[in-house]
């Protein structure tokens, strides 16, 4: 029986100070690979908290194009933000990165911990 494919866990910390969409984390891809990414993110300023779980599939084709396959699935969202925050993923085809995109809360400095579980497979 073959061994199970290795899972790579990536974790970063970052801060937001407003409600602008920003890149919270990136994962560099390789041509000819497919990726399944599960992102878990939590943020707080000690009073206000939000948490998110998202899953998405990506393909970095042998021709060199990075694409989101289907859509990002929202598994869990919990917020007590004054303005709706968000956590999602997208494909940055220019830099060939999978990006975790976060939105904070206007007027609050939120400290984020973003963890990504990445499973990849060569084509």
N, C-alpha and C. Protein backbone atom coordinates (compact mmCIF):
# COMPACT_ATOMS: atom_id res chain seq x y z
N UNK A 1 0.85 -1.17 0.00
CA UNK A 1 0.00 0.00 0.00
C UNK A 1 0.90 1.24 0.00
N UNK A 2 0.62 2.22 -0.86
CA UNK A 2 1.45 3.42 -0.91
C UNK A 2 1.28 4.27 0.36
N UNK A 3 2.32 5.03 0.65
CA UNK A 3 2.28 5.94 1.80
C UNK A 3 1.34 7.10 1.49
N UNK A 4 0.78 7.68 2.52
CA UNK A 4 -0.11 8.83 2.35
C UNK A 4 0.70 10.04 1.90
N UNK A 5 0.10 10.87 1.07
CA UNK A 5 0.76 12.08 0.60
C UNK A 5 1.01 13.03 1.77
N UNK A 6 2.17 13.64 1.80
CA UNK A 6 2.52 14.55 2.89
C UNK A 6 1.67 15.82 2.83
N UNK A 7 1.33 16.32 3.99
CA UNK A 7 0.60 17.57 4.12
C UNK A 7 1.57 18.61 4.67
N UNK A 8 1.54 19.79 4.07
CA UNK A 8 2.41 20.86 4.53
C UNK A 8 1.57 21.87 5.29
N UNK A 9 1.98 22.22 6.50
CA UNK A 9 1.26 23.19 7.31
C UNK A 9 2.06 24.48 7.34
N UNK A 10 1.39 25.57 7.00
CA UNK A 10 2.02 26.89 6.98
C UNK A 10 1.23 27.77 7.93
N UNK A 11 1.91 28.52 8.80
CA UNK A 11 1.22 29.39 9.74
C UNK A 11 1.93 30.73 9.79
N UNK A 12 1.14 31.81 9.75
CA UNK A 12 1.71 33.16 9.82
C UNK A 12 0.86 34.03 10.75
N UNK A 13 1.48 35.07 11.24
CA UNK A 13 0.78 36.08 12.05
C UNK A 13 0.89 37.42 11.33
N UNK A 14 -0.19 38.17 11.36
CA UNK A 14 -0.21 39.48 10.72
C UNK A 14 -1.21 40.36 11.46
N UNK A 15 -1.29 41.63 11.07
CA UNK A 15 -2.16 42.60 11.72
C UNK A 15 -2.92 43.40 10.67
N UNK A 16 -4.20 43.68 10.95
CA UNK A 16 -4.96 44.62 10.13
C UNK A 16 -5.40 45.78 11.02
N UNK A 17 -5.55 46.96 10.41
CA UNK A 17 -5.95 48.15 11.17
C UNK A 17 -7.22 48.79 10.62
N UNK A 18 -7.78 48.21 9.56
CA UNK A 18 -8.99 48.78 8.97
C UNK A 18 -9.77 47.70 8.22
N UNK A 19 -10.75 48.11 7.43
CA UNK A 19 -11.58 47.18 6.71
C UNK A 19 -11.16 46.94 5.28
N UNK A 20 -9.90 47.25 4.94
CA UNK A 20 -9.39 47.06 3.59
C UNK A 20 -9.00 45.60 3.38
N UNK A 21 -9.33 45.06 2.21
CA UNK A 21 -8.90 43.71 1.86
C UNK A 21 -7.39 43.71 1.68
N UNK A 22 -6.70 42.77 2.33
CA UNK A 22 -5.25 42.70 2.24
C UNK A 22 -4.82 41.23 2.17
N UNK A 23 -3.61 41.00 1.72
CA UNK A 23 -3.06 39.65 1.68
C UNK A 23 -2.48 39.32 3.04
N UNK A 24 -3.04 38.30 3.68
CA UNK A 24 -2.57 37.89 5.00
C UNK A 24 -1.48 36.84 4.94
N UNK A 25 -1.46 36.06 3.85
CA UNK A 25 -0.46 35.00 3.69
C UNK A 25 -0.43 34.58 2.23
N UNK A 26 0.70 34.01 1.81
CA UNK A 26 0.83 33.48 0.44
C UNK A 26 1.47 32.11 0.49
N UNK A 27 1.18 31.32 -0.55
CA UNK A 27 1.82 30.02 -0.71
C UNK A 27 2.27 29.91 -2.16
N UNK A 28 3.58 29.75 -2.39
CA UNK A 28 4.15 29.67 -3.73
C UNK A 28 3.86 28.30 -4.34
N UNK A 29 3.41 28.28 -5.59
CA UNK A 29 3.06 27.03 -6.27
C UNK A 29 4.09 26.67 -7.33
N UNK A 30 3.98 25.44 -7.85
CA UNK A 30 4.87 24.95 -8.91
C UNK A 30 4.04 24.51 -10.10
N UNK A 31 4.55 24.77 -11.29
CA UNK A 31 3.87 24.36 -12.52
C UNK A 31 3.71 22.84 -12.54
N UNK A 32 2.54 22.38 -13.00
CA UNK A 32 2.26 20.97 -13.09
C UNK A 32 1.69 20.36 -11.83
N UNK A 33 1.32 21.18 -10.85
CA UNK A 33 0.80 20.70 -9.59
C UNK A 33 -0.64 21.17 -9.35
N UNK A 34 -1.38 20.34 -8.61
CA UNK A 34 -2.72 20.70 -8.13
C UNK A 34 -2.63 20.82 -6.62
N UNK A 35 -3.46 21.69 -6.04
CA UNK A 35 -3.41 21.98 -4.61
C UNK A 35 -4.80 21.97 -4.00
N UNK A 36 -4.93 21.42 -2.82
CA UNK A 36 -6.12 21.56 -2.00
C UNK A 36 -5.66 22.27 -0.74
N UNK A 37 -6.29 23.41 -0.44
CA UNK A 37 -5.85 24.26 0.66
C UNK A 37 -7.00 24.47 1.64
N UNK A 38 -6.71 24.21 2.91
CA UNK A 38 -7.67 24.51 3.99
C UNK A 38 -7.05 25.61 4.85
N UNK A 39 -7.73 26.73 4.92
CA UNK A 39 -7.25 27.87 5.71
C UNK A 39 -8.11 28.00 6.96
N UNK A 40 -7.44 28.15 8.09
CA UNK A 40 -8.09 28.45 9.36
C UNK A 40 -7.49 29.77 9.84
N UNK A 41 -8.35 30.74 10.13
CA UNK A 41 -7.85 32.06 10.54
C UNK A 41 -8.66 32.55 11.73
N UNK A 42 -7.96 33.16 12.67
CA UNK A 42 -8.62 33.77 13.82
C UNK A 42 -7.96 35.12 14.08
N UNK A 43 -8.77 36.09 14.49
CA UNK A 43 -8.21 37.41 14.80
C UNK A 43 -8.94 37.99 16.01
N UNK A 44 -8.23 38.85 16.73
CA UNK A 44 -8.83 39.52 17.89
C UNK A 44 -8.04 40.78 18.23
N UNK A 45 -8.71 41.71 18.89
CA UNK A 45 -8.02 42.84 19.50
C UNK A 45 -8.15 42.75 21.02
N UNK A 46 -8.60 41.60 21.50
CA UNK A 46 -8.81 41.39 22.92
C UNK A 46 -10.26 41.61 23.33
N UNK A 47 -11.02 42.27 22.48
CA UNK A 47 -12.43 42.54 22.73
C UNK A 47 -13.30 42.03 21.60
N UNK A 48 -12.84 42.21 20.38
CA UNK A 48 -13.55 41.80 19.17
C UNK A 48 -12.82 40.62 18.55
N UNK A 49 -13.58 39.60 18.14
CA UNK A 49 -12.99 38.37 17.62
C UNK A 49 -13.72 37.90 16.37
N UNK A 50 -12.96 37.29 15.46
CA UNK A 50 -13.54 36.64 14.28
C UNK A 50 -12.73 35.39 13.98
N UNK A 51 -13.39 34.39 13.41
CA UNK A 51 -12.72 33.14 13.05
C UNK A 51 -13.34 32.61 11.76
N UNK A 52 -12.48 32.01 10.92
CA UNK A 52 -12.92 31.55 9.60
C UNK A 52 -12.24 30.23 9.26
N UNK A 53 -12.96 29.36 8.52
CA UNK A 53 -12.39 28.16 7.92
C UNK A 53 -12.84 28.15 6.46
N UNK A 54 -11.87 28.04 5.54
CA UNK A 54 -12.15 28.04 4.11
C UNK A 54 -11.36 26.91 3.44
N UNK A 55 -11.95 26.33 2.37
CA UNK A 55 -11.28 25.28 1.59
C UNK A 55 -11.40 25.63 0.11
N UNK A 56 -10.30 25.42 -0.64
CA UNK A 56 -10.32 25.68 -2.07
C UNK A 56 -9.30 24.81 -2.79
N UNK A 57 -9.56 24.57 -4.08
CA UNK A 57 -8.65 23.82 -4.94
C UNK A 57 -8.06 24.75 -5.99
N UNK A 58 -6.79 24.52 -6.31
CA UNK A 58 -6.08 25.33 -7.28
C UNK A 58 -5.30 24.43 -8.23
N UNK A 59 -5.07 24.92 -9.44
CA UNK A 59 -4.24 24.21 -10.41
C UNK A 59 -3.22 25.18 -10.98
N UNK A 60 -1.95 24.77 -10.94
CA UNK A 60 -0.88 25.50 -11.62
C UNK A 60 -0.52 24.62 -12.82
N UNK A 61 -1.09 24.94 -13.96
CA UNK A 61 -0.98 24.08 -15.14
C UNK A 61 0.46 23.97 -15.63
N UNK A 62 0.73 22.93 -16.40
CA UNK A 62 2.05 22.76 -17.01
C UNK A 62 2.38 23.93 -17.92
N UNK A 63 1.35 24.58 -18.46
CA UNK A 63 1.54 25.75 -19.32
C UNK A 63 1.88 27.01 -18.52
N UNK A 64 1.74 26.94 -17.18
CA UNK A 64 2.15 28.05 -16.34
C UNK A 64 1.04 28.93 -15.78
N UNK A 65 -0.22 28.56 -15.95
CA UNK A 65 -1.33 29.37 -15.45
C UNK A 65 -1.81 28.83 -14.10
N UNK A 66 -1.94 29.73 -13.12
CA UNK A 66 -2.47 29.36 -11.81
C UNK A 66 -3.93 29.76 -11.75
N UNK A 67 -4.82 28.80 -11.41
CA UNK A 67 -6.25 29.06 -11.39
C UNK A 67 -6.91 28.47 -10.16
N UNK A 68 -7.93 29.15 -9.68
CA UNK A 68 -8.83 28.61 -8.67
C UNK A 68 -9.78 27.67 -9.39
N UNK A 69 -9.93 26.45 -8.89
CA UNK A 69 -10.82 25.46 -9.50
C UNK A 69 -12.13 25.50 -8.72
N UNK A 70 -13.21 25.87 -9.38
CA UNK A 70 -14.49 26.01 -8.69
C UNK A 70 -14.51 27.29 -7.88
N UNK A 71 -14.92 27.19 -6.63
CA UNK A 71 -14.99 28.37 -5.78
C UNK A 71 -14.44 28.04 -4.39
N UNK A 72 -14.22 29.07 -3.60
CA UNK A 72 -13.78 28.90 -2.22
C UNK A 72 -15.00 28.51 -1.39
N UNK A 73 -14.89 27.42 -0.64
CA UNK A 73 -15.98 26.95 0.20
C UNK A 73 -15.83 27.51 1.61
N UNK A 74 -16.88 28.13 2.09
CA UNK A 74 -16.91 28.65 3.46
C UNK A 74 -17.43 27.56 4.38
N UNK A 75 -16.53 27.02 5.20
CA UNK A 75 -16.89 25.94 6.12
C UNK A 75 -17.41 26.52 7.43
N UNK A 76 -16.80 27.63 7.88
CA UNK A 76 -17.18 28.21 9.17
C UNK A 76 -16.88 29.71 9.17
N UNK A 77 -17.79 30.50 9.73
CA UNK A 77 -17.59 31.92 9.96
C UNK A 77 -18.19 32.27 11.31
N UNK A 78 -17.41 32.92 12.18
CA UNK A 78 -17.90 33.41 13.46
C UNK A 78 -17.30 34.79 13.67
N UNK A 79 -18.16 35.81 13.85
CA UNK A 79 -17.68 37.19 13.96
C UNK A 79 -18.46 37.95 15.02
N UNK A 80 -17.78 38.80 15.74
CA UNK A 80 -18.46 39.83 16.52
C UNK A 80 -17.88 41.20 16.17
N UNK A 81 -17.53 41.35 14.88
CA UNK A 81 -17.01 42.60 14.36
C UNK A 81 -18.15 43.60 14.14
N UNK A 82 -17.86 44.90 14.28
CA UNK A 82 -18.86 45.93 14.00
C UNK A 82 -19.20 45.92 12.51
N UNK A 83 -18.19 45.81 11.66
CA UNK A 83 -18.38 45.71 10.21
C UNK A 83 -17.97 44.30 9.80
N UNK A 84 -18.66 43.70 8.84
CA UNK A 84 -18.29 42.34 8.44
C UNK A 84 -16.85 42.24 7.97
N UNK A 85 -16.10 41.31 8.53
CA UNK A 85 -14.76 41.01 8.06
C UNK A 85 -14.85 39.89 7.04
N UNK A 86 -13.70 39.32 6.70
CA UNK A 86 -13.73 38.19 5.79
C UNK A 86 -12.37 37.54 5.72
N UNK A 87 -12.38 36.31 5.26
CA UNK A 87 -11.17 35.57 4.94
C UNK A 87 -11.52 34.73 3.72
N UNK A 88 -10.73 34.81 2.68
CA UNK A 88 -10.96 34.02 1.49
C UNK A 88 -9.62 33.69 0.85
N UNK A 89 -9.63 33.04 -0.28
CA UNK A 89 -8.40 32.74 -1.02
C UNK A 89 -8.60 33.10 -2.48
N UNK A 90 -7.49 33.38 -3.16
CA UNK A 90 -7.54 33.57 -4.61
C UNK A 90 -6.21 33.15 -5.22
N UNK A 91 -6.17 33.11 -6.55
CA UNK A 91 -4.97 32.74 -7.29
C UNK A 91 -4.33 34.00 -7.84
N UNK A 92 -3.10 34.27 -7.45
CA UNK A 92 -2.32 35.38 -8.00
C UNK A 92 -1.50 34.80 -9.15
N UNK A 93 -2.06 34.88 -10.36
CA UNK A 93 -1.40 34.26 -11.52
C UNK A 93 -0.10 34.97 -11.89
N UNK A 94 0.03 36.24 -11.57
CA UNK A 94 1.27 36.98 -11.88
C UNK A 94 2.46 36.41 -11.12
N UNK A 95 2.28 36.20 -9.81
CA UNK A 95 3.37 35.69 -8.96
C UNK A 95 3.30 34.20 -8.70
N UNK A 96 2.22 33.54 -9.20
CA UNK A 96 2.01 32.09 -9.02
C UNK A 96 1.85 31.71 -7.56
N UNK A 97 1.17 32.59 -6.80
CA UNK A 97 0.92 32.36 -5.38
C UNK A 97 -0.56 32.12 -5.11
N UNK A 98 -0.85 31.24 -4.19
CA UNK A 98 -2.18 31.14 -3.61
C UNK A 98 -2.18 32.16 -2.48
N UNK A 99 -3.15 33.08 -2.51
CA UNK A 99 -3.19 34.15 -1.51
C UNK A 99 -4.37 33.95 -0.55
N UNK A 100 -4.10 34.17 0.73
CA UNK A 100 -5.15 34.25 1.73
C UNK A 100 -5.45 35.74 1.89
N UNK A 101 -6.69 36.12 1.57
CA UNK A 101 -7.10 37.53 1.60
C UNK A 101 -7.98 37.75 2.83
N UNK A 102 -7.61 38.74 3.66
CA UNK A 102 -8.33 39.01 4.89
C UNK A 102 -8.86 40.45 4.89
N UNK A 103 -9.96 40.63 5.59
CA UNK A 103 -10.54 41.96 5.77
C UNK A 103 -10.77 42.15 7.27
N UNK A 104 -10.19 43.20 7.81
CA UNK A 104 -10.33 43.48 9.23
C UNK A 104 -11.57 44.30 9.52
N UNK A 105 -11.51 45.08 10.58
CA UNK A 105 -12.63 45.89 11.05
C UNK A 105 -12.15 47.34 11.13
N UNK A 106 -12.86 48.29 10.48
CA UNK A 106 -12.42 49.69 10.51
C UNK A 106 -12.24 50.21 11.94
N UNK A 107 -11.11 50.86 12.17
CA UNK A 107 -10.84 51.46 13.47
C UNK A 107 -10.32 50.50 14.53
N UNK A 108 -10.09 49.26 14.17
CA UNK A 108 -9.58 48.27 15.14
C UNK A 108 -8.27 47.66 14.63
N UNK A 109 -7.33 47.47 15.53
CA UNK A 109 -6.11 46.75 15.20
C UNK A 109 -6.31 45.30 15.61
N UNK A 110 -6.52 44.45 14.61
CA UNK A 110 -6.75 43.03 14.85
C UNK A 110 -5.48 42.24 14.59
N UNK A 111 -5.14 41.37 15.50
CA UNK A 111 -3.99 40.48 15.34
C UNK A 111 -4.50 39.14 14.83
N UNK A 112 -3.95 38.70 13.71
CA UNK A 112 -4.40 37.48 13.03
C UNK A 112 -3.39 36.36 13.18
N UNK A 113 -3.90 35.15 13.28
CA UNK A 113 -3.10 33.94 13.14
C UNK A 113 -3.77 33.14 12.02
N UNK A 114 -3.03 32.93 10.93
CA UNK A 114 -3.55 32.25 9.75
C UNK A 114 -2.77 30.96 9.55
N UNK A 115 -3.48 29.86 9.48
CA UNK A 115 -2.86 28.56 9.27
C UNK A 115 -3.42 27.96 7.99
N UNK A 116 -2.55 27.41 7.16
CA UNK A 116 -2.97 26.79 5.91
C UNK A 116 -2.43 25.37 5.84
N UNK A 117 -3.33 24.44 5.62
CA UNK A 117 -2.97 23.04 5.39
C UNK A 117 -3.00 22.85 3.88
N UNK A 118 -1.86 22.49 3.29
CA UNK A 118 -1.74 22.39 1.84
C UNK A 118 -1.39 20.96 1.44
N UNK A 119 -2.24 20.39 0.58
CA UNK A 119 -1.98 19.07 0.02
C UNK A 119 -1.76 19.28 -1.48
N UNK A 120 -0.67 18.76 -2.02
CA UNK A 120 -0.38 18.97 -3.44
C UNK A 120 -0.16 17.64 -4.14
N UNK A 121 -0.37 17.68 -5.45
CA UNK A 121 -0.18 16.50 -6.27
C UNK A 121 0.33 16.91 -7.64
N UNK A 122 1.42 16.32 -8.11
CA UNK A 122 1.88 16.65 -9.47
C UNK A 122 0.93 16.08 -10.50
N UNK A 123 0.80 16.80 -11.63
CA UNK A 123 -0.05 16.32 -12.74
C UNK A 123 0.63 15.15 -13.41
